[in-house]
């Protein structure tokens, strides 16, 4: 059965992790720029801040 999410008080961080086989770099320079632009748009829309990726 699913448990309720824990809501943090004050400053909270959510850690997301994605891995690929052999920790290969799967994005080229152009794809990486597009990915960063997409993250920045989502930051503004959702009112959150991406600290690192």
C-alpha atoms as a PDB file:
ATOM      1  CA  UNK A   1       0.000   0.000   0.000  1.00  0.00           C
ATOM      2  CA  UNK A   2       1.233   3.477  -0.857  1.00  0.00           C
ATOM      3  CA  UNK A   3       2.424   5.687   2.007  1.00  0.00           C
ATOM      4  CA  UNK A   4       1.628   9.373   2.324  1.00  0.00           C
ATOM      5  CA  UNK A   5       4.325  11.785   1.219  1.00  0.00           C
ATOM      6  CA  UNK A   6       6.244  13.631   3.881  1.00  0.00           C
ATOM      7  CA  UNK A   7       5.951  17.397   3.622  1.00  0.00           C
ATOM      8  CA  UNK A   8       9.065  19.203   4.820  1.00  0.00           C
ATOM      9  CA  UNK A   9       9.029  22.299   6.954  1.00  0.00           C
ATOM     10  CA  UNK A  10      11.049  25.220   5.583  1.00  0.00           C
ATOM     11  CA  UNK A  11      13.751  24.527   2.998  1.00  0.00           C
ATOM     12  CA  UNK A  12      13.442  21.082   1.430  1.00  0.00           C
ATOM     13  CA  UNK A  13      15.267  19.238  -1.338  1.00  0.00           C
ATOM     14  CA  UNK A  14      14.030  16.493  -3.644  1.00  0.00           C
ATOM     15  CA  UNK A  15      16.720  14.251  -5.085  1.00  0.00           C
ATOM     16  CA  UNK A  16      16.163  12.711  -8.526  1.00  0.00           C
ATOM     17  CA  UNK A  17      18.648  10.321 -10.013  1.00  0.00           C
ATOM     18  CA  UNK A  18      18.869   8.801 -13.459  1.00  0.00           C
ATOM     19  CA  UNK A  19      21.620   6.493 -14.635  1.00  0.00           C
ATOM     20  CA  UNK A  20      22.514   4.845 -17.909  1.00  0.00           C
ATOM     21  CA  UNK A  21      24.656   1.796 -18.637  1.00  0.00           C
ATOM     22  CA  UNK A  22      28.359   2.376 -17.866  1.00  0.00           C
ATOM     23  CA  UNK A  23      27.569   5.983 -16.827  1.00  0.00           C
ATOM     24  CA  UNK A  24      27.963   7.081 -20.446  1.00  0.00           C
ATOM     25  CA  UNK A  25      27.270  10.645 -21.537  1.00  0.00           C
ATOM     26  CA  UNK A  26      24.171  10.356 -23.687  1.00  0.00           C
ATOM     27  CA  UNK A  27      23.646  14.039 -24.470  1.00  0.00           C
ATOM     28  CA  UNK A  28      25.736  16.043 -26.896  1.00  0.00           C
ATOM     29  CA  UNK A  29      26.278  19.802 -26.543  1.00  0.00           C
ATOM     30  CA  UNK A  30      23.109  20.736 -28.450  1.00  0.00           C
ATOM     31  CA  UNK A  31      20.929  18.258 -26.533  1.00  0.00           C
ATOM     32  CA  UNK A  32      22.395  19.409 -23.211  1.00  0.00           C
ATOM     33  CA  UNK A  33      21.573  23.062 -24.007  1.00  0.00           C
ATOM     34  CA  UNK A  34      17.999  22.081 -24.871  1.00  0.00           C
ATOM     35  CA  UNK A  35      17.706  20.061 -21.639  1.00  0.00           C
ATOM     36  CA  UNK A  36      18.956  22.974 -19.515  1.00  0.00           C
ATOM     37  CA  UNK A  37      16.537  25.379 -21.245  1.00  0.00           C
ATOM     38  CA  UNK A  38      13.682  22.969 -20.556  1.00  0.00           C
ATOM     39  CA  UNK A  39      14.651  22.698 -16.875  1.00  0.00           C
ATOM     40  CA  UNK A  40      14.733  26.512 -16.565  1.00  0.00           C
ATOM     41  CA  UNK A  41      11.237  26.783 -18.091  1.00  0.00           C
ATOM     42  CA  UNK A  42       9.952  24.171 -15.657  1.00  0.00           C
ATOM     43  CA  UNK A  43      11.573  26.046 -12.769  1.00  0.00           C
ATOM     44  CA  UNK A  44       9.648  29.186 -13.668  1.00  0.00           C
ATOM     45  CA  UNK A  45       6.371  27.354 -14.284  1.00  0.00           C
ATOM     46  CA  UNK A  46       6.483  25.211 -11.149  1.00  0.00           C
ATOM     47  CA  UNK A  47       8.067  27.755  -8.816  1.00  0.00           C
ATOM     48  CA  UNK A  48      11.010  25.561  -7.896  1.00  0.00           C
ATOM     49  CA  UNK A  49      14.760  25.757  -8.253  1.00  0.00           C
ATOM     50  CA  UNK A  50      17.042  23.189  -9.856  1.00  0.00           C
ATOM     51  CA  UNK A  51      20.210  23.214  -7.782  1.00  0.00           C
ATOM     52  CA  UNK A  52      22.320  20.874  -9.922  1.00  0.00           C
ATOM     53  CA  UNK A  53      21.919  18.192 -12.539  1.00  0.00           C
END
